Amino acid sequence: MLFSSSAKFDSGTGWPSFFQPARDGAVRCASEVDGRIEVHCAGCGGHLGHAFADGPLSPHRREGGLPIGGPSAELERHSRARGCLPRYCINGAALRLRADEQREQDAPPSGWEREA
């Protein structure tokens, strides 16, 4: 799993947006020529979308945060300077919905996770 619904938020852009990956090392970031930060799957290298330093104003995030090094560190720095979390805009075609097993045990078919 690359992104979880627990980190999803409405960015007002129309794109599925998340403020952090589901786990450290799940995604990699790379600077593009135009200055944007491209997000790739760390496992297969596939393009997932882009990341921006204008996510939600929230103190809620797990320890660890962004992938290590390069543009990720820059994204982290810019996000913190603005007092916000990053915004990972992920292409909807890269998402696959899957039920969260723990939630299935706790409640009937509610609580879906987004998996990219």
PDB file of N, CA and C in Angstrom:
ATOM      1  N   MET A   1       0.841  -1.160   0.000  1.00  0.00           N
ATOM      2  CA  MET A   1       0.000   0.000   0.000  1.00  0.00           C
ATOM      3  C   MET A   1       0.899   1.241   0.000  1.00  0.00           C
ATOM      4  N   LEU A   2       0.580   2.192  -0.848  1.00  0.00           N
ATOM      5  CA  LEU A   2       1.378   3.413  -0.953  1.00  0.00           C
ATOM      6  C   LEU A   2       0.753   4.587  -0.208  1.00  0.00           C
ATOM      7  N   PHE A   3      -0.572   4.699  -0.259  1.00  0.00           N
ATOM      8  CA  PHE A   3      -1.290   5.769   0.435  1.00  0.00           C
ATOM      9  C   PHE A   3      -2.513   5.178   1.117  1.00  0.00           C
ATOM     10  N   SER A   4      -2.858   5.715   2.283  1.00  0.00           N
ATOM     11  CA  SER A   4      -4.002   5.240   3.046  1.00  0.00           C
ATOM     12  C   SER A   4      -5.082   6.318   3.100  1.00  0.00           C
ATOM     13  N   SER A   5      -6.330   5.887   3.180  1.00  0.00           N
ATOM     14  CA  SER A   5      -7.430   6.847   3.280  1.00  0.00           C
ATOM     15  C   SER A   5      -7.327   7.686   4.548  1.00  0.00           C
ATOM     16  N   SER A   6      -6.595   7.223   5.556  1.00  0.00           N
ATOM     17  CA  SER A   6      -6.438   8.011   6.782  1.00  0.00           C
ATOM     18  C   SER A   6      -5.623   9.279   6.537  1.00  0.00           C
ATOM     19  N   ALA A   7      -4.894   9.342   5.423  1.00  0.00           N
ATOM     20  CA  ALA A   7      -4.109  10.534   5.078  1.00  0.00           C
ATOM     21  C   ALA A   7      -4.716  11.284   3.892  1.00  0.00           C
ATOM     22  N   LYS A   8      -5.920  10.891   3.467  1.00  0.00           N
ATOM     23  CA  LYS A   8      -6.577  11.538   2.326  1.00  0.00           C
ATOM     24  C   LYS A   8      -7.320  12.780   2.808  1.00  0.00           C
ATOM     25  N   PHE A   9      -7.336  13.815   1.982  1.00  0.00           N
ATOM     26  CA  PHE A   9      -8.087  15.028   2.312  1.00  0.00           C
ATOM     27  C   PHE A   9      -8.589  15.666   1.027  1.00  0.00           C
ATOM     28  N   ASP A  10      -9.573  16.549   1.161  1.00  0.00           N
ATOM     29  CA  ASP A  10     -10.133  17.256   0.006  1.00  0.00           C
ATOM     30  C   ASP A  10      -9.311  18.515  -0.221  1.00  0.00           C
ATOM     31  N   SER A  11      -8.505  18.503  -1.267  1.00  0.00           N
ATOM     32  CA  SER A  11      -7.642  19.652  -1.563  1.00  0.00           C
ATOM     33  C   SER A  11      -8.350  20.684  -2.426  1.00  0.00           C
ATOM     34  N   GLY A  12      -9.547  20.358  -2.910  1.00  0.00           N
ATOM     35  CA  GLY A  12     -10.276  21.276  -3.770  1.00  0.00           C
ATOM     36  C   GLY A  12      -9.776  21.291  -5.200  1.00  0.00           C
ATOM     37  N   THR A  13      -8.874  20.373  -5.536  1.00  0.00           N
ATOM     38  CA  THR A  13      -8.289  20.344  -6.880  1.00  0.00           C
ATOM     39  C   THR A  13      -8.985  19.352  -7.805  1.00  0.00           C
ATOM     40  N   GLY A  14      -9.762  18.444  -7.233  1.00  0.00           N
ATOM     41  CA  GLY A  14     -10.362  17.380  -8.022  1.00  0.00           C
ATOM     42  C   GLY A  14      -9.492  16.139  -8.101  1.00  0.00           C
ATOM     43  N   TRP A  15      -8.246  16.248  -7.660  1.00  0.00           N
ATOM     44  CA  TRP A  15      -7.321  15.111  -7.652  1.00  0.00           C
ATOM     45  C   TRP A  15      -7.375  14.438  -6.284  1.00  0.00           C
ATOM     46  N   PRO A  16      -7.277  13.105  -6.218  1.00  0.00           N
ATOM     47  CA  PRO A  16      -7.130  12.457  -4.915  1.00  0.00           C
ATOM     48  C   PRO A  16      -5.850  12.986  -4.259  1.00  0.00           C
ATOM     49  N   SER A  17      -5.977  13.502  -3.043  1.00  0.00           N
ATOM     50  CA  SER A  17      -4.840  14.137  -2.369  1.00  0.00           C
ATOM     51  C   SER A  17      -4.599  13.507  -1.008  1.00  0.00           C
ATOM     52  N   PHE A  18      -3.327  13.348  -0.678  1.00  0.00           N
ATOM     53  CA  PHE A  18      -2.904  12.744   0.580  1.00  0.00           C
ATOM     54  C   PHE A  18      -1.815  13.623   1.187  1.00  0.00           C
ATOM     55  N   PHE A  19      -1.727  13.662   2.538  1.00  0.00           N
ATOM     56  CA  PHE A  19      -0.685  14.479   3.164  1.00  0.00           C
ATOM     57  C   PHE A  19       0.551  13.682   3.536  1.00  0.00           C
ATOM     58  N   GLN A  20       0.524  12.360   3.360  1.00  0.00           N
ATOM     59  CA  GLN A  20       1.717  11.546   3.587  1.00  0.00           C
ATOM     60  C   GLN A  20       1.520  10.162   2.986  1.00  0.00           C
ATOM     61  N   PRO A  21       2.624   9.503   2.631  1.00  0.00           N
ATOM     62  CA  PRO A  21       2.539   8.111   2.170  1.00  0.00           C
ATOM     63  C   PRO A  21       2.129   7.198   3.330  1.00  0.00           C
ATOM     64  N   ALA A  22       1.686   6.000   3.027  1.00  0.00           N
ATOM     65  CA  ALA A  22       1.249   5.048   4.049  1.00  0.00           C
ATOM     66  C   ALA A  22       2.409   4.567   4.918  1.00  0.00           C
ATOM     67  N   ARG A  23       3.598   4.537   4.361  1.00  0.00           N
ATOM     68  CA  ARG A  23       4.767   4.082   5.129  1.00  0.00           C
ATOM     69  C   ARG A  23       6.026   4.709   4.541  1.00  0.00           C
ATOM     70  N   ASP A  24       7.049   4.781   5.342  1.00  0.00           N
ATOM     71  CA  ASP A  24       8.327   5.301   4.863  1.00  0.00           C
ATOM     72  C   ASP A  24       8.847   4.413   3.737  1.00  0.00           C
ATOM     73  N   GLY A  25       9.394   5.033   2.712  1.00  0.00           N
ATOM     74  CA  GLY A  25       9.980   4.293   1.609  1.00  0.00           C
ATOM     75  C   GLY A  25       8.982   3.796   0.576  1.00  0.00           C
ATOM     76  N   ALA A  26       7.696   4.116   0.721  1.00  0.00           N
ATOM     77  CA  ALA A  26       6.678   3.647  -0.231  1.00  0.00           C
ATOM     78  C   ALA A  26       6.775   4.371  -1.563  1.00  0.00           C
ATOM     79  N   VAL A  27       7.157   5.651  -1.520  1.00  0.00           N
ATOM     80  CA  VAL A  27       7.254   6.445  -2.745  1.00  0.00           C
ATOM     81  C   VAL A  27       8.602   7.149  -2.808  1.00  0.00           C
ATOM     82  N   ARG A  28       8.970   7.544  -3.997  1.00  0.00           N
ATOM     83  CA  ARG A  28      10.181   8.336  -4.240  1.00  0.00           C
ATOM     84  C   ARG A  28       9.765   9.604  -4.955  1.00  0.00           C
ATOM     85  N   CYS A  29      10.502  10.663  -4.731  1.00  0.00           N
ATOM     86  CA  CYS A  29      10.215  11.943  -5.373  1.00  0.00           C
ATOM     87  C   CYS A  29      11.400  12.366  -6.233  1.00  0.00           C
ATOM     88  N   ALA A  30      11.103  13.061  -7.319  1.00  0.00           N
ATOM     89  CA  ALA A  30      12.147  13.540  -8.226  1.00  0.00           C
ATOM     90  C   ALA A  30      11.756  14.910  -8.760  1.00  0.00           C
ATOM     91  N   SER A  31      12.723  15.824  -8.824  1.00  0.00           N
ATOM     92  CA  SER A  31      12.471  17.153  -9.382  1.00  0.00           C
ATOM     93  C   SER A  31      12.335  17.059 -10.890  1.00  0.00           C
ATOM     94  N   GLU A  32      11.363  17.780 -11.429  1.00  0.00           N
ATOM     95  CA  GLU A  32      11.191  17.866 -12.875  1.00  0.00           C
ATOM     96  C   GLU A  32      11.806  19.171 -13.360  1.00  0.00           C
ATOM     97  N   VAL A  33      12.011  19.279 -14.655  1.00  0.00           N
ATOM     98  CA  VAL A  33      12.621  20.463 -15.258  1.00  0.00           C
ATOM     99  C   VAL A  33      11.813  21.722 -14.944  1.00  0.00           C
ATOM    100  N   ASP A  34      10.484  21.594 -14.884  1.00  0.00           N
ATOM    101  CA  ASP A  34       9.629  22.760 -14.641  1.00  0.00           C
ATOM    102  C   ASP A  34       9.507  23.117 -13.160  1.00  0.00           C
ATOM    103  N   GLY A  35      10.228  22.406 -12.284  1.00  0.00           N
ATOM    104  CA  GLY A  35      10.235  22.719 -10.865  1.00  0.00           C
ATOM    105  C   GLY A  35       9.256  21.906 -10.033  1.00  0.00           C
ATOM    106  N   ARG A  36       8.357  21.182 -10.679  1.00  0.00           N
ATOM    107  CA  ARG A  36       7.426  20.351  -9.913  1.00  0.00           C
ATOM    108  C   ARG A  36       8.163  19.145  -9.345  1.00  0.00           C
ATOM    109  N   ILE A  37       7.566  18.526  -8.342  1.00  0.00           N
ATOM    110  CA  ILE A  37       8.130  17.327  -7.740  1.00  0.00           C
ATOM    111  C   ILE A  37       7.255  16.148  -8.144  1.00  0.00           C
ATOM    112  N   GLU A  38       7.837  15.230  -8.907  1.00  0.00           N
ATOM    113  CA  GLU A  38       7.107  14.062  -9.385  1.00  0.00           C
ATOM    114  C   GLU A  38       7.185  12.951  -8.343  1.00  0.00           C
ATOM    115  N   VAL A  39       6.077  12.253  -8.145  1.00  0.00           N
ATOM    116  CA  VAL A  39       6.001  11.149  -7.186  1.00  0.00           C
ATOM    117  C   VAL A  39       5.963   9.832  -7.958  1.00  0.00           C
ATOM    118  N   HIS A  40       6.851   8.898  -7.565  1.00  0.00           N
ATOM    119  CA  HIS A  40       6.952   7.580  -8.198  1.00  0.00           C
ATOM    120  C   HIS A  40       6.753   6.495  -7.150  1.00  0.00           C
ATOM    121  N   CYS A  41       6.256   5.349  -7.578  1.00  0.00           N
ATOM    122  CA  CYS A  41       6.217   4.163  -6.733  1.00  0.00           C
ATOM    123  C   CYS A  41       7.664   3.732  -6.487  1.00  0.00           C
ATOM    124  N   ALA A  42       8.037   3.522  -5.229  1.00  0.00           N
ATOM    125  CA  ALA A  42       9.407   3.108  -4.924  1.00  0.00           C
ATOM    126  C   ALA A  42       9.676   1.682  -5.402  1.00  0.00           C
ATOM    127  N   GLY A  43       8.636   0.872  -5.527  1.00  0.00           N
ATOM    128  CA  GLY A  43       8.821  -0.512  -5.945  1.00  0.00           C
ATOM    129  C   GLY A  43       9.022  -0.686  -7.435  1.00  0.00           C
ATOM    130  N   CYS A  44       8.163  -0.033  -8.236  1.00  0.00           N
ATOM    131  CA  CYS A  44       8.229  -0.249  -9.687  1.00  0.00           C
ATOM    132  C   CYS A  44       8.671   0.984 -10.466  1.00  0.00           C
ATOM    133  N   GLY A  45       8.724   2.149  -9.818  1.00  0.00           N
ATOM    134  CA  GLY A  45       9.145   3.374 -10.490  1.00  0.00           C
ATOM    135  C   GLY A  45       8.050   4.055 -11.283  1.00  0.00           C
ATOM    136  N   GLY A  46       6.828   3.526 -11.238  1.00  0.00           N
ATOM    137  CA  GLY A  46       5.722   4.107 -11.997  1.00  0.00           C
ATOM    138  C   GLY A  46       5.334   5.495 -11.512  1.00  0.00           C
ATOM    139  N   HIS A  47       4.935   6.345 -12.450  1.00  0.00           N
ATOM    140  CA  HIS A  47       4.487   7.705 -12.136  1.00  0.00           C
ATOM    141  C   HIS A  47       3.157   7.641 -11.393  1.00  0.00           C
ATOM    142  N   LEU A  48       3.087   8.326 -10.244  1.00  0.00           N
ATOM    143  CA  LEU A  48       1.859   8.363  -9.453  1.00  0.00           C
ATOM    144  C   LEU A  48       1.187   9.723  -9.489  1.00  0.00           C
ATOM    145  N   GLY A  49       1.971  10.779  -9.617  1.00  0.00           N
ATOM    146  CA  GLY A  49       1.422  12.129  -9.583  1.00  0.00           C
ATOM    147  C   GLY A  49       2.500  13.124  -9.212  1.00  0.00           C
ATOM    148  N   HIS A  50       2.100  14.180  -8.493  1.00  0.00           N
ATOM    149  CA  HIS A  50       3.035  15.226  -8.091  1.00  0.00           C
ATOM    150  C   HIS A  50       2.813  15.604  -6.632  1.00  0.00           C
ATOM    151  N   ALA A  51       3.809  16.210  -6.021  1.00  0.00           N
ATOM    152  CA  ALA A  51       3.718  16.654  -4.635  1.00  0.00           C
ATOM    153  C   ALA A  51       3.950  18.156  -4.573  1.00  0.00           C
ATOM    154  N   PHE A  52       3.221  18.806  -3.669  1.00  0.00           N
ATOM    155  CA  PHE A  52       3.295  20.257  -3.511  1.00  0.00           C
ATOM    156  C   PHE A  52       3.380  20.598  -2.026  1.00  0.00           C
ATOM    157  N   ALA A  53       3.892  21.774  -1.721  1.00  0.00           N
ATOM    158  CA  ALA A  53       4.070  22.207  -0.335  1.00  0.00           C
ATOM    159  C   ALA A  53       2.898  23.062   0.129  1.00  0.00           C
ATOM    160  N   ASP A  54       1.670  22.644  -0.185  1.00  0.00           N
ATOM    161  CA  ASP A  54       0.498  23.443   0.203  1.00  0.00           C
ATOM    162  C   ASP A  54      -0.652  22.570   0.690  1.00  0.00           C
ATOM    163  N   GLY A  55      -0.322  21.542   1.466  1.00  0.00           N
ATOM    164  CA  GLY A  55      -1.342  20.632   1.985  1.00  0.00           C
ATOM    165  C   GLY A  55      -2.092  21.218   3.164  1.00  0.00           C
ATOM    166  N   PRO A  56      -2.810  20.369   3.902  1.00  0.00           N
ATOM    167  CA  PRO A  56      -3.642  20.854   5.006  1.00  0.00           C
ATOM    168  C   PRO A  56      -2.819  21.386   6.168  1.00  0.00           C
ATOM    169  N   LEU A  57      -3.404  22.325   6.882  1.00  0.00           N
ATOM    170  CA  LEU A  57      -2.792  22.857   8.094  1.00  0.00           C
ATOM    171  C   LEU A  57      -3.188  21.924   9.225  1.00  0.00           C
ATOM    172  N   SER A  58      -2.332  20.975   9.529  1.00  0.00           N
ATOM    173  CA  SER A  58      -2.677  19.965  10.520  1.00  0.00           C
ATOM    174  C   SER A  58      -1.432  19.439  11.215  1.00  0.00           C
ATOM    175  N   PRO A  59      -1.530  19.241  12.520  1.00  0.00           N
ATOM    176  CA  PRO A  59      -0.409  18.645  13.242  1.00  0.00           C
ATOM    177  C   PRO A  59      -0.418  17.120  13.161  1.00  0.00           C
ATOM    178  N   HIS A  60      -1.449  16.525  12.541  1.00  0.00           N
ATOM    179  CA  HIS A  60      -1.608  15.072  12.523  1.00  0.00           C
ATOM    180  C   HIS A  60      -0.821  14.434  11.390  1.00  0.00           C
ATOM    181  N   ARG A  61       0.203  13.717  11.741  1.00  0.00           N
ATOM    182  CA  ARG A  61       0.969  12.919  10.785  1.00  0.00           C
ATOM    183  C   ARG A  61       1.817  11.942  11.571  1.00  0.00           C
ATOM    184  N   ARG A  62       2.124  10.843  10.955  1.00  0.00           N
ATOM    185  CA  ARG A  62       2.938   9.856  11.660  1.00  0.00           C
ATOM    186  C   ARG A  62       4.397  10.306  11.638  1.00  0.00           C
ATOM    187  N   GLU A  63       5.160   9.764  12.541  1.00  0.00           N
ATOM    188  CA  GLU A  63       6.590  10.057  12.568  1.00  0.00           C
ATOM    189  C   GLU A  63       7.233   9.515  11.305  1.00  0.00           C
ATOM    190  N   GLY A  64       8.284  10.143  10.880  1.00  0.00           N
ATOM    191  CA  GLY A  64       8.990   9.694   9.680  1.00  0.00           C
ATOM    192  C   GLY A  64       8.708  10.608   8.517  1.00  0.00           C
ATOM    193  N   GLY A  65       7.439  10.797   8.192  1.00  0.00           N
ATOM    194  CA  GLY A  65       7.057  11.751   7.164  1.00  0.00           C
ATOM    195  C   GLY A  65       7.449  11.357   5.765  1.00  0.00           C
ATOM    196  N   LEU A  66       8.194  12.227   5.124  1.00  0.00           N
ATOM    197  CA  LEU A  66       8.462  12.105   3.697  1.00  0.00           C
ATOM    198  C   LEU A  66       9.628  11.182   3.381  1.00  0.00           C
ATOM    199  N   PRO A  67       9.680  10.711   2.138  1.00  0.00           N
ATOM    200  CA  PRO A  67      10.830   9.921   1.710  1.00  0.00           C
ATOM    201  C   PRO A  67      12.124  10.717   1.892  1.00  0.00           C
ATOM    202  N   ILE A  68      13.207  10.039   2.100  1.00  0.00           N
ATOM    203  CA  ILE A  68      14.478  10.691   2.420  1.00  0.00           C
ATOM    204  C   ILE A  68      15.183  11.224   1.180  1.00  0.00           C
ATOM    205  N   GLY A  69      15.765  12.408   1.319  1.00  0.00           N
ATOM    206  CA  GLY A  69      16.681  12.944   0.321  1.00  0.00           C
ATOM    207  C   GLY A  69      16.071  13.739  -0.804  1.00  0.00           C
ATOM    208  N   GLY A  70      16.915  14.521  -1.458  1.00  0.00           N
ATOM    209  CA  GLY A  70      16.559  15.253  -2.669  1.00  0.00           C
ATOM    210  C   GLY A  70      15.335  16.129  -2.554  1.00  0.00           C
ATOM    211  N   PRO A  71      14.476  16.085  -3.565  1.00  0.00           N
ATOM    212  CA  PRO A  71      13.307  16.949  -3.611  1.00  0.00           C
ATOM    213  C   PRO A  71      12.386  16.745  -2.421  1.00  0.00           C
ATOM    214  N   SER A  72      12.393  15.550  -1.833  1.00  0.00           N
ATOM    215  CA  SER A  72      11.541  15.282  -0.682  1.00  0.00           C
ATOM    216  C   SER A  72      11.922  16.168   0.491  1.00  0.00           C
ATOM    217  N   ALA A  73      13.208  16.314   0.730  1.00  0.00           N
ATOM    218  CA  ALA A  73      13.674  17.171   1.813  1.00  0.00           C
ATOM    219  C   ALA A  73      13.277  18.618   1.540  1.00  0.00           C
ATOM    220  N   GLU A  74      13.355  19.033   0.291  1.00  0.00           N
ATOM    221  CA  GLU A  74      12.946  20.384  -0.089  1.00  0.00           C
ATOM    222  C   GLU A  74      11.447  20.570   0.126  1.00  0.00           C
ATOM    223  N   LEU A  75      10.653  19.595  -0.254  1.00  0.00           N
ATOM    224  CA  LEU A  75       9.206  19.641  -0.053  1.00  0.00           C
ATOM    225  C   LEU A  75       8.887  19.736   1.431  1.00  0.00           C
ATOM    226  N   GLU A  76       9.548  18.934   2.234  1.00  0.00           N
ATOM    227  CA  GLU A  76       9.361  18.957   3.687  1.00  0.00           C
ATOM    228  C   GLU A  76       9.685  20.342   4.244  1.00  0.00           C
ATOM    229  N   ARG A  77      10.795  20.913   3.836  1.00  0.00           N
ATOM    230  CA  ARG A  77      11.220  22.228   4.325  1.00  0.00           C
ATOM    231  C   ARG A  77      10.199  23.304   3.952  1.00  0.00           C
ATOM    232  N   HIS A  78       9.754  23.320   2.695  1.00  0.00           N
ATOM    233  CA  HIS A  78       8.790  24.325   2.250  1.00  0.00           C
ATOM    234  C   HIS A  78       7.445  24.153   2.948  1.00  0.00           C
ATOM    235  N   SER A  79       7.022  22.914   3.152  1.00  0.00           N
ATOM    236  CA  SER A  79       5.755  22.656   3.838  1.00  0.00           C
ATOM    237  C   SER A  79       5.808  23.158   5.269  1.00  0.00           C
ATOM    238  N   ARG A  80       6.884  22.834   5.973  1.00  0.00           N
ATOM    239  CA  ARG A  80       7.015  23.274   7.367  1.00  0.00           C
ATOM    240  C   ARG A  80       7.088  24.787   7.471  1.00  0.00           C
ATOM    241  N   ALA A  81       7.763  25.434   6.518  1.00  0.00           N
ATOM    242  CA  ALA A  81       7.870  26.896   6.531  1.00  0.00           C
ATOM    243  C   ALA A  81       6.492  27.535   6.389  1.00  0.00           C
ATOM    244  N   ARG A  82       5.598  26.880   5.670  1.00  0.00           N
ATOM    245  CA  ARG A  82       4.232  27.389   5.492  1.00  0.00           C
ATOM    246  C   ARG A  82       3.303  26.921   6.607  1.00  0.00           C
ATOM    247  N   GLY A  83       3.797  26.085   7.507  1.00  0.00           N
ATOM    248  CA  GLY A  83       2.973  25.568   8.587  1.00  0.00           C
ATOM    249  C   GLY A  83       1.940  24.558   8.121  1.00  0.00           C
ATOM    250  N   CYS A  84       2.251  23.857   7.054  1.00  0.00           N
ATOM    251  CA  CYS A  84       1.293  22.888   6.514  1.00  0.00           C
ATOM    252  C   CYS A  84       1.983  21.560   6.230  1.00  0.00           C
ATOM    253  N   LEU A  85       1.171  20.600   5.839  1.00  0.00           N
ATOM    254  CA  LEU A  85       1.674  19.299   5.420  1.00  0.00           C
ATOM    255  C   LEU A  85       1.812  19.285   3.906  1.00  0.00           C
ATOM    256  N   PRO A  86       2.572  18.367   3.352  1.00  0.00           N
ATOM    257  CA  PRO A  86       2.661  18.259   1.894  1.00  0.00           C
ATOM    258  C   PRO A  86       1.316  17.829   1.300  1.00  0.00           C
ATOM    259  N   ARG A  87       1.147  18.061   0.019  1.00  0.00           N
ATOM    260  CA  ARG A  87      -0.032  17.588  -0.722  1.00  0.00           C
ATOM    261  C   ARG A  87       0.470  16.690  -1.845  1.00  0.00           C
ATOM    262  N   TYR A  88       0.204  15.404  -1.718  1.00  0.00           N
ATOM    263  CA  TYR A  88       0.520  14.453  -2.776  1.00  0.00           C
ATOM    264  C   TYR A  88      -0.727  14.320  -3.641  1.00  0.00           C
ATOM    265  N   CYS A  89      -0.694  14.851  -4.861  1.00  0.00           N
ATOM    266  CA  CYS A  89      -1.802  14.724  -5.818  1.00  0.00           C
ATOM    267  C   CYS A  89      -1.545  13.477  -6.643  1.00  0.00           C
ATOM    268  N   ILE A  90      -2.379  12.474  -6.465  1.00  0.00           N
ATOM    269  CA  ILE A  90      -2.143  11.175  -7.082  1.00  0.00           C
ATOM    270  C   ILE A  90      -3.164  10.925  -8.188  1.00  0.00           C
ATOM    271  N   ASN A  91      -2.678  10.459  -9.323  1.00  0.00           N
ATOM    272  CA  ASN A  91      -3.528  10.153 -10.466  1.00  0.00           C
ATOM    273  C   ASN A  91      -4.527   9.065 -10.074  1.00  0.00           C
ATOM    274  N   GLY A  92      -5.819   9.338 -10.280  1.00  0.00           N
ATOM    275  CA  GLY A  92      -6.852   8.375  -9.913  1.00  0.00           C
ATOM    276  C   GLY A  92      -6.677   7.019 -10.572  1.00  0.00           C
ATOM    277  N   ALA A  93      -6.080   6.984 -11.768  1.00  0.00           N
ATOM    278  CA  ALA A  93      -5.855   5.714 -12.461  1.00  0.00           C
ATOM    279  C   ALA A  93      -4.814   4.857 -11.742  1.00  0.00           C
ATOM    280  N   ALA A  94      -4.024   5.467 -10.864  1.00  0.00           N
ATOM    281  CA  ALA A  94      -3.001   4.729 -10.124  1.00  0.00           C
ATOM    282  C   ALA A  94      -3.544   4.168  -8.810  1.00  0.00           C
ATOM    283  N   LEU A  95      -4.800   4.485  -8.479  1.00  0.00           N
ATOM    284  CA  LEU A  95      -5.380   4.038  -7.216  1.00  0.00           C
ATOM    285  C   LEU A  95      -6.136   2.724  -7.380  1.00  0.00           C
ATOM    286  N   ARG A  96      -6.039   1.913  -6.361  1.00  0.00           N
ATOM    287  CA  ARG A  96      -6.822   0.683  -6.284  1.00  0.00           C
ATOM    288  C   ARG A  96      -7.419   0.639  -4.880  1.00  0.00           C
ATOM    289  N   LEU A  97      -8.726   0.528  -4.783  1.00  0.00           N
ATOM    290  CA  LEU A  97      -9.381   0.476  -3.480  1.00  0.00           C
ATOM    291  C   LEU A  97      -9.288  -0.927  -2.915  1.00  0.00           C
ATOM    292  N   ARG A  98      -9.051  -0.972  -1.623  1.00  0.00           N
ATOM    293  CA  ARG A  98      -9.050  -2.276  -0.966  1.00  0.00           C
ATOM    294  C   ARG A  98      -9.568  -2.084   0.440  1.00  0.00           C
ATOM    295  N   ALA A  99     -10.336  -3.040   0.912  1.00  0.00           N
ATOM    296  CA  ALA A  99     -10.890  -2.971   2.260  1.00  0.00           C
ATOM    297  C   ALA A  99      -9.773  -3.146   3.281  1.00  0.00           C
ATOM    298  N   ASP A 100      -9.859  -2.398   4.344  1.00  0.00           N
ATOM    299  CA  ASP A 100      -8.917  -2.522   5.447  1.00  0.00           C
ATOM    300  C   ASP A 100      -9.388  -3.685   6.321  1.00  0.00           C
ATOM    301  N   GLU A 101      -8.581  -4.721   6.480  1.00  0.00           N
ATOM    302  CA  GLU A 101      -8.990  -5.926   7.199  1.00  0.00           C
ATOM    303  C   GLU A 101      -9.432  -5.639   8.623  1.00  0.00           C
ATOM    304  N   GLN A 102      -8.734  -4.785   9.332  1.00  0.00           N
ATOM    305  CA  GLN A 102      -9.103  -4.481  10.712  1.00  0.00           C
ATOM    306  C   GLN A 102     -10.479  -3.834  10.759  1.00  0.00           C
ATOM    307  N   ARG A 103     -10.740  -2.913   9.868  1.00  0.00           N
ATOM    308  CA  ARG A 103     -12.041  -2.253   9.847  1.00  0.00           C
ATOM    309  C   ARG A 103     -13.144  -3.238   9.483  1.00  0.00           C
ATOM    310  N   GLU A 104     -12.858  -4.192   8.607  1.00  0.00           N
ATOM    311  CA  GLU A 104     -13.853  -5.203   8.252  1.00  0.00           C
ATOM    312  C   GLU A 104     -14.238  -6.012   9.478  1.00  0.00           C
ATOM    313  N   GLN A 105     -13.283  -6.284  10.357  1.00  0.00           N
ATOM    314  CA  GLN A 105     -13.572  -7.046  11.563  1.00  0.00           C
ATOM    315  C   GLN A 105     -14.376  -6.214  12.555  1.00  0.00           C
ATOM    316  N   ASP A 106     -14.121  -4.904  12.597  1.00  0.00           N
ATOM    317  CA  ASP A 106     -14.773  -4.029  13.563  1.00  0.00           C
ATOM    318  C   ASP A 106     -16.162  -3.577  13.135  1.00  0.00           C
ATOM    319  N   ALA A 107     -16.404  -3.461  11.849  1.00  0.00           N
ATOM    320  CA  ALA A 107     -17.678  -2.928  11.362  1.00  0.00           C
ATOM    321  C   ALA A 107     -17.983  -3.501   9.991  1.00  0.00           C
ATOM    322  N   PRO A 108     -19.262  -3.551   9.631  1.00  0.00           N
ATOM    323  CA  PRO A 108     -19.598  -4.007   8.287  1.00  0.00           C
ATOM    324  C   PRO A 108     -19.077  -3.049   7.235  1.00  0.00           C
ATOM    325  N   PRO A 109     -19.199  -3.393   5.959  1.00  0.00           N
ATOM    326  CA  PRO A 109     -18.467  -2.762   4.860  1.00  0.00           C
ATOM    327  C   PRO A 109     -18.342  -1.244   4.864  1.00  0.00           C
ATOM    328  N   SER A 110     -17.811  -0.682   5.882  1.00  0.00           N
ATOM    329  CA  SER A 110     -17.436   0.723   5.847  1.00  0.00           C
ATOM    330  C   SER A 110     -15.938   0.770   6.037  1.00  0.00           C
ATOM    331  N   GLY A 111     -15.343   1.928   5.811  1.00  0.00           N
ATOM    332  CA  GLY A 111     -13.908   2.050   6.020  1.00  0.00           C
ATOM    333  C   GLY A 111     -13.092   1.425   4.914  1.00  0.00           C
ATOM    334  N   TRP A 112     -12.959   2.119   3.845  1.00  0.00           N
ATOM    335  CA  TRP A 112     -12.128   1.662   2.732  1.00  0.00           C
ATOM    336  C   TRP A 112     -10.823   2.405   2.753  1.00  0.00           C
ATOM    337  N   GLU A 113      -9.775   1.744   2.351  1.00  0.00           N
ATOM    338  CA  GLU A 113      -8.484   2.398   2.198  1.00  0.00           C
ATOM    339  C   GLU A 113      -8.202   2.575   0.731  1.00  0.00           C
ATOM    340  N   ARG A 114      -7.501   3.647   0.408  1.00  0.00           N
ATOM    341  CA  ARG A 114      -7.062   3.849  -0.965  1.00  0.00           C
ATOM    342  C   ARG A 114      -5.667   3.274  -1.075  1.00  0.00           C
ATOM    343  N   GLU A 115      -5.464   2.502  -2.080  1.00  0.00           N
ATOM    344  CA  GLU A 115      -4.143   1.939  -2.323  1.00  0.00           C
ATOM    345  C   GLU A 115      -3.685   2.402  -3.691  1.00  0.00           C
ATOM    346  N   ALA A 116      -2.504   2.960  -3.746  1.00  0.00           N
ATOM    347  CA  ALA A 116      -1.965   3.407  -5.034  1.00  0.00           C
ATOM    348  C   ALA A 116      -0.943   2.423  -5.510  1.00  0.00           C
TER     349      ALA A 116
END
